Amino acid sequence: MSINSKHLVMSDPITPAVSDRICKHMNDDHANAVLTYAQVYGDRRDAEAAEMVAIDPEGMDLSVQANGDRISLRIPFDHQLQDSEDAHQTLIAMVKQARSAAK
């Protein structure tokens, strides 16, 4: 268990509170990665901005700005997430894969 509640406790199950924490972190610190998820995995190359609104073991929900419209996207994961550490590793792997495919 982490003493500092500001950081993710890496073995937390993905509850609504953990989802909120992950989303806040991703939106505040990794906005480009969230946009990449929308463009690549959501097949919305026209996305101008994206925000992660929820994450659960099966996927993530994004709110995407594209062509002046705000749309909701569901991005499924390739496996069911076990906990917040799995979410962390999966999100990193997804953005790395998307960026290497774009090269």
PDB file of N, CA and C in Angstrom:
ATOM      1  N   MET A   1       0.827  -1.190   0.000  1.00  0.00           N
ATOM      2  CA  MET A   1       0.000   0.000   0.000  1.00  0.00           C
ATOM      3  C   MET A   1       0.871   1.254   0.000  1.00  0.00           C
ATOM      4  N   SER A   2       0.439   2.241  -0.712  1.00  0.00           N
ATOM      5  CA  SER A   2       1.156   3.500  -0.774  1.00  0.00           C
ATOM      6  C   SER A   2       0.773   4.376   0.417  1.00  0.00           C
ATOM      7  N   ILE A   3       1.751   5.061   0.966  1.00  0.00           N
ATOM      8  CA  ILE A   3       1.488   5.995   2.056  1.00  0.00           C
ATOM      9  C   ILE A   3       0.953   7.304   1.481  1.00  0.00           C
ATOM     10  N   ASN A   4       1.445   7.684   0.309  1.00  0.00           N
ATOM     11  CA  ASN A   4       1.032   8.923  -0.324  1.00  0.00           C
ATOM     12  C   ASN A   4      -0.183   8.656  -1.203  1.00  0.00           C
ATOM     13  N   SER A   5      -1.338   9.131  -0.796  1.00  0.00           N
ATOM     14  CA  SER A   5      -2.573   8.843  -1.516  1.00  0.00           C
ATOM     15  C   SER A   5      -2.664   9.564  -2.852  1.00  0.00           C
ATOM     16  N   LYS A   6      -1.732  10.484  -3.130  1.00  0.00           N
ATOM     17  CA  LYS A   6      -1.750  11.176  -4.418  1.00  0.00           C
ATOM     18  C   LYS A   6      -1.311  10.253  -5.554  1.00  0.00           C
ATOM     19  N   HIS A   7      -0.512   9.262  -5.230  1.00  0.00           N
ATOM     20  CA  HIS A   7      -0.030   8.349  -6.261  1.00  0.00           C
ATOM     21  C   HIS A   7      -0.922   7.117  -6.310  1.00  0.00           C
ATOM     22  N   LEU A   8      -0.990   6.511  -7.472  1.00  0.00           N
ATOM     23  CA  LEU A   8      -1.782   5.292  -7.600  1.00  0.00           C
ATOM     24  C   LEU A   8      -1.196   4.194  -6.731  1.00  0.00           C
ATOM     25  N   VAL A   9      -2.061   3.528  -6.025  1.00  0.00           N
ATOM     26  CA  VAL A   9      -1.639   2.311  -5.340  1.00  0.00           C
ATOM     27  C   VAL A   9      -1.728   1.240  -6.417  1.00  0.00           C
ATOM     28  N   MET A  10      -0.590   0.697  -6.784  1.00  0.00           N
ATOM     29  CA  MET A  10      -0.501  -0.055  -8.025  1.00  0.00           C
ATOM     30  C   MET A  10      -1.304  -1.348  -8.094  1.00  0.00           C
ATOM     31  N   SER A  11      -1.762  -1.861  -6.968  1.00  0.00           N
ATOM     32  CA  SER A  11      -2.530  -3.101  -7.058  1.00  0.00           C
ATOM     33  C   SER A  11      -4.010  -2.870  -6.774  1.00  0.00           C
ATOM     34  N   ASP A  12      -4.459  -1.616  -6.849  1.00  0.00           N
ATOM     35  CA  ASP A  12      -5.868  -1.314  -6.604  1.00  0.00           C
ATOM     36  C   ASP A  12      -6.759  -1.931  -7.674  1.00  0.00           C
ATOM     37  N   PRO A  13      -7.881  -2.534  -7.262  1.00  0.00           N
ATOM     38  CA  PRO A  13      -8.870  -2.929  -8.264  1.00  0.00           C
ATOM     39  C   PRO A  13      -9.424  -1.664  -8.934  1.00  0.00           C
ATOM     40  N   ILE A  14      -9.945  -1.802 -10.140  1.00  0.00           N
ATOM     41  CA  ILE A  14     -10.420  -0.629 -10.866  1.00  0.00           C
ATOM     42  C   ILE A  14     -11.854  -0.323 -10.446  1.00  0.00           C
ATOM     43  N   THR A  15     -11.954   0.465  -9.399  1.00  0.00           N
ATOM     44  CA  THR A  15     -13.235   0.936  -8.883  1.00  0.00           C
ATOM     45  C   THR A  15     -13.542   2.289  -9.523  1.00  0.00           C
ATOM     46  N   PRO A  16     -14.741   2.829  -9.338  1.00  0.00           N
ATOM     47  CA  PRO A  16     -15.005   4.180  -9.862  1.00  0.00           C
ATOM     48  C   PRO A  16     -14.020   5.227  -9.336  1.00  0.00           C
ATOM     49  N   ALA A  17     -13.610   5.128  -8.077  1.00  0.00           N
ATOM     50  CA  ALA A  17     -12.644   6.091  -7.524  1.00  0.00           C
ATOM     51  C   ALA A  17     -11.288   5.949  -8.206  1.00  0.00           C
ATOM     52  N   VAL A  18     -10.843   4.728  -8.448  1.00  0.00           N
ATOM     53  CA  VAL A  18      -9.573   4.502  -9.146  1.00  0.00           C
ATOM     54  C   VAL A  18      -9.689   4.980 -10.591  1.00  0.00           C
ATOM     55  N   SER A  19     -10.827   4.733 -11.229  1.00  0.00           N
ATOM     56  CA  SER A  19     -11.066   5.228 -12.586  1.00  0.00           C
ATOM     57  C   SER A  19     -10.926   6.744 -12.628  1.00  0.00           C
ATOM     58  N   ASP A  20     -11.538   7.430 -11.669  1.00  0.00           N
ATOM     59  CA  ASP A  20     -11.441   8.896 -11.620  1.00  0.00           C
ATOM     60  C   ASP A  20      -9.995   9.347 -11.474  1.00  0.00           C
ATOM     61  N   ARG A  21      -9.230   8.660 -10.634  1.00  0.00           N
ATOM     62  CA  ARG A  21      -7.830   9.009 -10.400  1.00  0.00           C
ATOM     63  C   ARG A  21      -7.000   8.804 -11.669  1.00  0.00           C
ATOM     64  N   ILE A  22      -7.208   7.665 -12.334  1.00  0.00           N
ATOM     65  CA  ILE A  22      -6.472   7.390 -13.579  1.00  0.00           C
ATOM     66  C   ILE A  22      -6.833   8.426 -14.635  1.00  0.00           C
ATOM     67  N   CYS A  23      -8.114   8.714 -14.793  1.00  0.00           N
ATOM     68  CA  CYS A  23      -8.552   9.679 -15.803  1.00  0.00           C
ATOM     69  C   CYS A  23      -7.966  11.060 -15.538  1.00  0.00           C
ATOM     70  N   LYS A  24      -7.997  11.510 -14.295  1.00  0.00           N
ATOM     71  CA  LYS A  24      -7.443  12.822 -13.954  1.00  0.00           C
ATOM     72  C   LYS A  24      -5.955  12.861 -14.300  1.00  0.00           C
ATOM     73  N   HIS A  25      -5.234  11.821 -13.926  1.00  0.00           N
ATOM     74  CA  HIS A  25      -3.799  11.759 -14.228  1.00  0.00           C
ATOM     75  C   HIS A  25      -3.553  11.785 -15.735  1.00  0.00           C
ATOM     76  N   MET A  26      -4.283  10.979 -16.475  1.00  0.00           N
ATOM     77  CA  MET A  26      -4.081  10.918 -17.925  1.00  0.00           C
ATOM     78  C   MET A  26      -4.426  12.259 -18.580  1.00  0.00           C
ATOM     79  N   ASN A  27      -5.533  12.867 -18.174  1.00  0.00           N
ATOM     80  CA  ASN A  27      -5.947  14.140 -18.778  1.00  0.00           C
ATOM     81  C   ASN A  27      -5.006  15.278 -18.405  1.00  0.00           C
ATOM     82  N   ASP A  28      -4.520  15.280 -17.164  1.00  0.00           N
ATOM     83  CA  ASP A  28      -3.638  16.361 -16.709  1.00  0.00           C
ATOM     84  C   ASP A  28      -2.215  16.209 -17.237  1.00  0.00           C
ATOM     85  N   ASP A  29      -1.717  14.969 -17.272  1.00  0.00           N
ATOM     86  CA  ASP A  29      -0.293  14.747 -17.555  1.00  0.00           C
ATOM     87  C   ASP A  29       0.005  14.071 -18.897  1.00  0.00           C
ATOM     88  N   HIS A  30      -1.002  13.466 -19.509  1.00  0.00           N
ATOM     89  CA  HIS A  30      -0.759  12.704 -20.743  1.00  0.00           C
ATOM     90  C   HIS A  30      -1.853  12.961 -21.784  1.00  0.00           C
ATOM     91  N   ALA A  31      -2.218  14.221 -21.964  1.00  0.00           N
ATOM     92  CA  ALA A  31      -3.290  14.573 -22.903  1.00  0.00           C
ATOM     93  C   ALA A  31      -2.980  14.104 -24.326  1.00  0.00           C
ATOM     94  N   ASN A  32      -1.709  14.158 -24.730  1.00  0.00           N
ATOM     95  CA  ASN A  32      -1.348  13.702 -26.080  1.00  0.00           C
ATOM     96  C   ASN A  32      -1.591  12.207 -26.249  1.00  0.00           C
ATOM     97  N   ALA A  33      -1.340  11.438 -25.192  1.00  0.00           N
ATOM     98  CA  ALA A  33      -1.597   9.996 -25.259  1.00  0.00           C
ATOM     99  C   ALA A  33      -3.090   9.731 -25.414  1.00  0.00           C
ATOM    100  N   VAL A  34      -3.917  10.474 -24.674  1.00  0.00           N
ATOM    101  CA  VAL A  34      -5.372  10.286 -24.761  1.00  0.00           C
ATOM    102  C   VAL A  34      -5.853  10.623 -26.175  1.00  0.00           C
ATOM    103  N   LEU A  35      -5.316  11.684 -26.749  1.00  0.00           N
ATOM    104  CA  LEU A  35      -5.662  12.036 -28.130  1.00  0.00           C
ATOM    105  C   LEU A  35      -5.225  10.929 -29.089  1.00  0.00           C
ATOM    106  N   THR A  36      -4.063  10.362 -28.860  1.00  0.00           N
ATOM    107  CA  THR A  36      -3.577   9.257 -29.692  1.00  0.00           C
ATOM    108  C   THR A  36      -4.525   8.056 -29.612  1.00  0.00           C
ATOM    109  N   TYR A  37      -5.008   7.733 -28.414  1.00  0.00           N
ATOM    110  CA  TYR A  37      -5.971   6.620 -28.274  1.00  0.00           C
ATOM    111  C   TYR A  37      -7.198   6.868 -29.154  1.00  0.00           C
ATOM    112  N   ALA A  38      -7.717   8.103 -29.126  1.00  0.00           N
ATOM    113  CA  ALA A  38      -8.896   8.436 -29.928  1.00  0.00           C
ATOM    114  C   ALA A  38      -8.604   8.322 -31.418  1.00  0.00           C
ATOM    115  N   GLN A  39      -7.457   8.874 -31.839  1.00  0.00           N
ATOM    116  CA  GLN A  39      -7.125   8.893 -33.262  1.00  0.00           C
ATOM    117  C   GLN A  39      -6.852   7.504 -33.806  1.00  0.00           C
ATOM    118  N   VAL A  40      -6.106   6.689 -33.053  1.00  0.00           N
ATOM    119  CA  VAL A  40      -5.673   5.384 -33.562  1.00  0.00           C
ATOM    120  C   VAL A  40      -6.688   4.284 -33.229  1.00  0.00           C
ATOM    121  N   TYR A  41      -6.971   4.090 -31.939  1.00  0.00           N
ATOM    122  CA  TYR A  41      -7.838   2.975 -31.527  1.00  0.00           C
ATOM    123  C   TYR A  41      -9.318   3.290 -31.735  1.00  0.00           C
ATOM    124  N   GLY A  42      -9.652   4.585 -31.708  1.00  0.00           N
ATOM    125  CA  GLY A  42     -11.035   4.982 -31.968  1.00  0.00           C
ATOM    126  C   GLY A  42     -11.288   5.299 -33.421  1.00  0.00           C
ATOM    127  N   ASP A  43     -10.224   5.194 -34.239  1.00  0.00           N
ATOM    128  CA  ASP A  43     -10.304   5.460 -35.675  1.00  0.00           C
ATOM    129  C   ASP A  43     -10.880   6.848 -35.961  1.00  0.00           C
ATOM    130  N   ARG A  44     -10.478   7.811 -35.150  1.00  0.00           N
ATOM    131  CA  ARG A  44     -10.909   9.196 -35.346  1.00  0.00           C
ATOM    132  C   ARG A  44      -9.691  10.063 -35.612  1.00  0.00           C
ATOM    133  N   ARG A  45      -9.119   9.915 -36.809  1.00  0.00           N
ATOM    134  CA  ARG A  45      -7.938  10.695 -37.194  1.00  0.00           C
ATOM    135  C   ARG A  45      -8.249  12.195 -37.175  1.00  0.00           C
ATOM    136  N   ASP A  46      -9.542  12.539 -37.250  1.00  0.00           N
ATOM    137  CA  ASP A  46      -9.947  13.943 -37.250  1.00  0.00           C
ATOM    138  C   ASP A  46     -10.063  14.524 -35.836  1.00  0.00           C
ATOM    139  N   ALA A  47      -9.784  13.726 -34.805  1.00  0.00           N
ATOM    140  CA  ALA A  47      -9.882  14.217 -33.421  1.00  0.00           C
ATOM    141  C   ALA A  47      -8.874  15.327 -33.174  1.00  0.00           C
ATOM    142  N   GLU A  48      -9.353  16.406 -32.574  1.00  0.00           N
ATOM    143  CA  GLU A  48      -8.502  17.554 -32.258  1.00  0.00           C
ATOM    144  C   GLU A  48      -8.130  17.568 -30.779  1.00  0.00           C
ATOM    145  N   ALA A  49      -8.990  17.006 -29.958  1.00  0.00           N
ATOM    146  CA  ALA A  49      -8.757  16.935 -28.511  1.00  0.00           C
ATOM    147  C   ALA A  49      -9.546  15.745 -27.983  1.00  0.00           C
ATOM    148  N   ALA A  50      -9.060  15.179 -26.881  1.00  0.00           N
ATOM    149  CA  ALA A  50      -9.756  14.050 -26.279  1.00  0.00           C
ATOM    150  C   ALA A  50      -9.532  14.067 -24.774  1.00  0.00           C
ATOM    151  N   GLU A  51     -10.531  13.581 -24.067  1.00  0.00           N
ATOM    152  CA  GLU A  51     -10.463  13.496 -22.619  1.00  0.00           C
ATOM    153  C   GLU A  51     -10.925  12.107 -22.200  1.00  0.00           C
ATOM    154  N   MET A  52     -10.181  11.480 -21.291  1.00  0.00           N
ATOM    155  CA  MET A  52     -10.581  10.183 -20.758  1.00  0.00           C
ATOM    156  C   MET A  52     -11.615  10.441 -19.662  1.00  0.00           C
ATOM    157  N   VAL A  53     -12.804   9.862 -19.811  1.00  0.00           N
ATOM    158  CA  VAL A  53     -13.862  10.103 -18.828  1.00  0.00           C
ATOM    159  C   VAL A  53     -14.077   8.927 -17.890  1.00  0.00           C
ATOM    160  N   ALA A  54     -13.685   7.720 -18.314  1.00  0.00           N
ATOM    161  CA  ALA A  54     -13.822   6.543 -17.443  1.00  0.00           C
ATOM    162  C   ALA A  54     -12.944   5.423 -17.974  1.00  0.00           C
ATOM    163  N   ILE A  55     -12.539   4.550 -17.058  1.00  0.00           N
ATOM    164  CA  ILE A  55     -11.794   3.346 -17.426  1.00  0.00           C
ATOM    165  C   ILE A  55     -12.327   2.216 -16.553  1.00  0.00           C
ATOM    166  N   ASP A  56     -12.477   1.063 -17.154  1.00  0.00           N
ATOM    167  CA  ASP A  56     -12.921  -0.121 -16.422  1.00  0.00           C
ATOM    168  C   ASP A  56     -12.129  -1.309 -16.966  1.00  0.00           C
ATOM    169  N   PRO A  57     -12.299  -2.490 -16.409  1.00  0.00           N
ATOM    170  CA  PRO A  57     -11.470  -3.622 -16.866  1.00  0.00           C
ATOM    171  C   PRO A  57     -11.604  -3.963 -18.346  1.00  0.00           C
ATOM    172  N   GLU A  58     -12.705  -3.580 -18.994  1.00  0.00           N
ATOM    173  CA  GLU A  58     -12.900  -3.930 -20.401  1.00  0.00           C
ATOM    174  C   GLU A  58     -12.467  -2.853 -21.387  1.00  0.00           C
ATOM    175  N   GLY A  59     -12.392  -1.590 -20.940  1.00  0.00           N
ATOM    176  CA  GLY A  59     -12.033  -0.537 -21.877  1.00  0.00           C
ATOM    177  C   GLY A  59     -12.074   0.842 -21.258  1.00  0.00           C
ATOM    178  N   MET A  60     -11.896   1.850 -22.130  1.00  0.00           N
ATOM    179  CA  MET A  60     -11.929   3.238 -21.672  1.00  0.00           C
ATOM    180  C   MET A  60     -12.944   4.020 -22.489  1.00  0.00           C
ATOM    181  N   ASP A  61     -13.538   5.013 -21.838  1.00  0.00           N
ATOM    182  CA  ASP A  61     -14.492   5.911 -22.478  1.00  0.00           C
ATOM    183  C   ASP A  61     -13.831   7.270 -22.645  1.00  0.00           C
ATOM    184  N   LEU A  62     -13.899   7.791 -23.868  1.00  0.00           N
ATOM    185  CA  LEU A  62     -13.297   9.086 -24.182  1.00  0.00           C
ATOM    186  C   LEU A  62     -14.369  10.052 -24.664  1.00  0.00           C
ATOM    187  N   SER A  63     -14.161  11.312 -24.370  1.00  0.00           N
ATOM    188  CA  SER A  63     -14.954  12.390 -24.943  1.00  0.00           C
ATOM    189  C   SER A  63     -14.026  13.094 -25.926  1.00  0.00           C
ATOM    190  N   VAL A  64     -14.426  13.145 -27.186  1.00  0.00           N
ATOM    191  CA  VAL A  64     -13.538  13.589 -28.258  1.00  0.00           C
ATOM    192  C   VAL A  64     -14.128  14.792 -28.985  1.00  0.00           C
ATOM    193  N   GLN A  65     -13.274  15.770 -29.254  1.00  0.00           N
ATOM    194  CA  GLN A  65     -13.644  16.931 -30.056  1.00  0.00           C
ATOM    195  C   GLN A  65     -13.147  16.681 -31.482  1.00  0.00           C
ATOM    196  N   ALA A  66     -14.075  16.651 -32.430  1.00  0.00           N
ATOM    197  CA  ALA A  66     -13.711  16.422 -33.832  1.00  0.00           C
ATOM    198  C   ALA A  66     -14.670  17.190 -34.737  1.00  0.00           C
ATOM    199  N   ASN A  67     -14.130  17.967 -35.647  1.00  0.00           N
ATOM    200  CA  ASN A  67     -14.935  18.731 -36.604  1.00  0.00           C
ATOM    201  C   ASN A  67     -16.012  19.568 -35.929  1.00  0.00           C
ATOM    202  N   GLY A  68     -15.669  20.162 -34.801  1.00  0.00           N
ATOM    203  CA  GLY A  68     -16.620  21.019 -34.107  1.00  0.00           C
ATOM    204  C   GLY A  68     -17.656  20.279 -33.281  1.00  0.00           C
ATOM    205  N   ASP A  69     -17.610  18.962 -33.280  1.00  0.00           N
ATOM    206  CA  ASP A  69     -18.559  18.167 -32.507  1.00  0.00           C
ATOM    207  C   ASP A  69     -17.866  17.484 -31.343  1.00  0.00           C
ATOM    208  N   ARG A  70     -18.624  17.234 -30.293  1.00  0.00           N
ATOM    209  CA  ARG A  70     -18.132  16.455 -29.149  1.00  0.00           C
ATOM    210  C   ARG A  70     -18.801  15.090 -29.253  1.00  0.00           C
ATOM    211  N   ILE A  71     -17.974  14.039 -29.339  1.00  0.00           N
ATOM    212  CA  ILE A  71     -18.508  12.680 -29.466  1.00  0.00           C
ATOM    213  C   ILE A  71     -17.941  11.787 -28.364  1.00  0.00           C
ATOM    214  N   SER A  72     -18.651  10.731 -28.067  1.00  0.00           N
ATOM    215  CA  SER A  72     -18.189   9.742 -27.093  1.00  0.00           C
ATOM    216  C   SER A  72     -17.622   8.552 -27.845  1.00  0.00           C
ATOM    217  N   LEU A  73     -16.500   8.044 -27.356  1.00  0.00           N
ATOM    218  CA  LEU A  73     -15.864   6.867 -27.954  1.00  0.00           C
ATOM    219  C   LEU A  73     -15.611   5.834 -26.872  1.00  0.00           C
ATOM    220  N   ARG A  74     -15.801   4.572 -27.211  1.00  0.00           N
ATOM    221  CA  ARG A  74     -15.448   3.468 -26.334  1.00  0.00           C
ATOM    222  C   ARG A  74     -14.276   2.740 -26.981  1.00  0.00           C
ATOM    223  N   ILE A  75     -13.168   2.622 -26.252  1.00  0.00           N
ATOM    224  CA  ILE A  75     -11.982   1.927 -26.742  1.00  0.00           C
ATOM    225  C   ILE A  75     -11.829   0.654 -25.907  1.00  0.00           C
ATOM    226  N   PRO A  76     -12.056  -0.509 -26.515  1.00  0.00           N
ATOM    227  CA  PRO A  76     -11.899  -1.757 -25.750  1.00  0.00           C
ATOM    228  C   PRO A  76     -10.425  -2.130 -25.592  1.00  0.00           C
ATOM    229  N   PHE A  77     -10.111  -2.805 -24.498  1.00  0.00           N
ATOM    230  CA  PHE A  77      -8.762  -3.327 -24.298  1.00  0.00           C
ATOM    231  C   PHE A  77      -8.655  -4.699 -24.938  1.00  0.00           C
ATOM    232  N   ASP A  78      -7.429  -5.164 -25.175  1.00  0.00           N
ATOM    233  CA  ASP A  78      -7.226  -6.480 -25.785  1.00  0.00           C
ATOM    234  C   ASP A  78      -7.302  -7.610 -24.758  1.00  0.00           C
ATOM    235  N   HIS A  79      -7.466  -7.247 -23.495  1.00  0.00           N
ATOM    236  CA  HIS A  79      -7.650  -8.233 -22.421  1.00  0.00           C
ATOM    237  C   HIS A  79      -8.358  -7.539 -21.262  1.00  0.00           C
ATOM    238  N   GLN A  80      -8.889  -8.311 -20.342  1.00  0.00           N
ATOM    239  CA  GLN A  80      -9.535  -7.722 -19.178  1.00  0.00           C
ATOM    240  C   GLN A  80      -8.476  -7.307 -18.165  1.00  0.00           C
ATOM    241  N   LEU A  81      -8.509  -6.048 -17.771  1.00  0.00           N
ATOM    242  CA  LEU A  81      -7.534  -5.536 -16.815  1.00  0.00           C
ATOM    243  C   LEU A  81      -7.762  -6.140 -15.437  1.00  0.00           C
ATOM    244  N   GLN A  82      -6.667  -6.497 -14.781  1.00  0.00           N
ATOM    245  CA  GLN A  82      -6.739  -7.096 -13.453  1.00  0.00           C
ATOM    246  C   GLN A  82      -6.781  -6.057 -12.335  1.00  0.00           C
ATOM    247  N   ASP A  83      -6.042  -4.957 -12.508  1.00  0.00           N
ATOM    248  CA  ASP A  83      -5.928  -3.944 -11.458  1.00  0.00           C
ATOM    249  C   ASP A  83      -5.320  -2.678 -12.059  1.00  0.00           C
ATOM    250  N   SER A  84      -5.046  -1.699 -11.199  1.00  0.00           N
ATOM    251  CA  SER A  84      -4.532  -0.423 -11.704  1.00  0.00           C
ATOM    252  C   SER A  84      -3.132  -0.543 -12.294  1.00  0.00           C
ATOM    253  N   GLU A  85      -2.328  -1.465 -11.801  1.00  0.00           N
ATOM    254  CA  GLU A  85      -0.997  -1.691 -12.398  1.00  0.00           C
ATOM    255  C   GLU A  85      -1.143  -2.223 -13.817  1.00  0.00           C
ATOM    256  N   ASP A  86      -2.068  -3.139 -14.022  1.00  0.00           N
ATOM    257  CA  ASP A  86      -2.347  -3.667 -15.362  1.00  0.00           C
ATOM    258  C   ASP A  86      -2.836  -2.530 -16.266  1.00  0.00           C
ATOM    259  N   ALA A  87      -3.685  -1.653 -15.739  1.00  0.00           N
ATOM    260  CA  ALA A  87      -4.160  -0.507 -16.516  1.00  0.00           C
ATOM    261  C   ALA A  87      -2.977   0.378 -16.919  1.00  0.00           C
ATOM    262  N   HIS A  88      -2.099   0.652 -15.979  1.00  0.00           N
ATOM    263  CA  HIS A  88      -0.914   1.485 -16.230  1.00  0.00           C
ATOM    264  C   HIS A  88      -0.072   0.889 -17.352  1.00  0.00           C
ATOM    265  N   GLN A  89       0.257  -0.384 -17.237  1.00  0.00           N
ATOM    266  CA  GLN A  89       1.096  -1.047 -18.248  1.00  0.00           C
ATOM    267  C   GLN A  89       0.389  -1.121 -19.601  1.00  0.00           C
ATOM    268  N   THR A  90      -0.903  -1.376 -19.594  1.00  0.00           N
ATOM    269  CA  THR A  90      -1.670  -1.485 -20.842  1.00  0.00           C
ATOM    270  C   THR A  90      -1.745  -0.137 -21.549  1.00  0.00           C
ATOM    271  N   LEU A  91      -2.000   0.938 -20.815  1.00  0.00           N
ATOM    272  CA  LEU A  91      -2.071   2.266 -21.424  1.00  0.00           C
ATOM    273  C   LEU A  91      -0.724   2.669 -22.023  1.00  0.00           C
ATOM    274  N   ILE A  92       0.360   2.347 -21.346  1.00  0.00           N
ATOM    275  CA  ILE A  92       1.700   2.627 -21.880  1.00  0.00           C
ATOM    276  C   ILE A  92       1.936   1.825 -23.157  1.00  0.00           C
ATOM    277  N   ALA A  93       1.634   0.539 -23.114  1.00  0.00           N
ATOM    278  CA  ALA A  93       1.846  -0.319 -24.291  1.00  0.00           C
ATOM    279  C   ALA A  93       1.014   0.162 -25.474  1.00  0.00           C
ATOM    280  N   MET A  94      -0.224   0.578 -25.217  1.00  0.00           N
ATOM    281  CA  MET A  94      -1.089   1.035 -26.305  1.00  0.00           C
ATOM    282  C   MET A  94      -0.543   2.293 -26.971  1.00  0.00           C
ATOM    283  N   VAL A  95      -0.060   3.241 -26.191  1.00  0.00           N
ATOM    284  CA  VAL A  95       0.440   4.476 -26.803  1.00  0.00           C
ATOM    285  C   VAL A  95       1.752   4.207 -27.534  1.00  0.00           C
ATOM    286  N   LYS A  96       2.602   3.346 -26.984  1.00  0.00           N
ATOM    287  CA  LYS A  96       3.847   2.992 -27.680  1.00  0.00           C
ATOM    288  C   LYS A  96       3.546   2.305 -29.007  1.00  0.00           C
ATOM    289  N   GLN A  97       2.601   1.370 -28.998  1.00  0.00           N
ATOM    290  CA  GLN A  97       2.232   0.658 -30.221  1.00  0.00           C
ATOM    291  C   GLN A  97       1.654   1.627 -31.250  1.00  0.00           C
ATOM    292  N   ALA A  98       0.795   2.527 -30.808  1.00  0.00           N
ATOM    293  CA  ALA A  98       0.180   3.488 -31.730  1.00  0.00           C
ATOM    294  C   ALA A  98       1.223   4.420 -32.335  1.00  0.00           C
ATOM    295  N   ARG A  99       2.156   4.872 -31.504  1.00  0.00           N
ATOM    296  CA  ARG A  99       3.187   5.804 -32.005  1.00  0.00           C
ATOM    297  C   ARG A  99       4.162   5.119 -32.944  1.00  0.00           C
ATOM    298  N   SER A 100       4.492   3.862 -32.666  1.00  0.00           N
ATOM    299  CA  SER A 100       5.420   3.152 -33.566  1.00  0.00           C
ATOM    300  C   SER A 100       4.740   2.805 -34.881  1.00  0.00           C
ATOM    301  N   ALA A 101       3.432   2.566 -34.854  1.00  0.00           N
ATOM    302  CA  ALA A 101       2.682   2.285 -36.094  1.00  0.00           C
ATOM    303  C   ALA A 101       2.571   3.532 -36.963  1.00  0.00           C
ATOM    304  N   ALA A 102       2.607   4.700 -36.335  1.00  0.00           N
ATOM    305  CA  ALA A 102       2.463   5.957 -37.083  1.00  0.00           C
ATOM    306  C   ALA A 102       3.754   6.389 -37.763  1.00  0.00           C
ATOM    307  N   LYS A 103       4.863   5.775 -37.411  1.00  0.00           N
ATOM    308  CA  LYS A 103       6.159   6.166 -37.978  1.00  0.00           C
ATOM    309  C   LYS A 103       6.337   5.664 -39.388  1.00  0.00           C
TER     310      LYS A 103
END
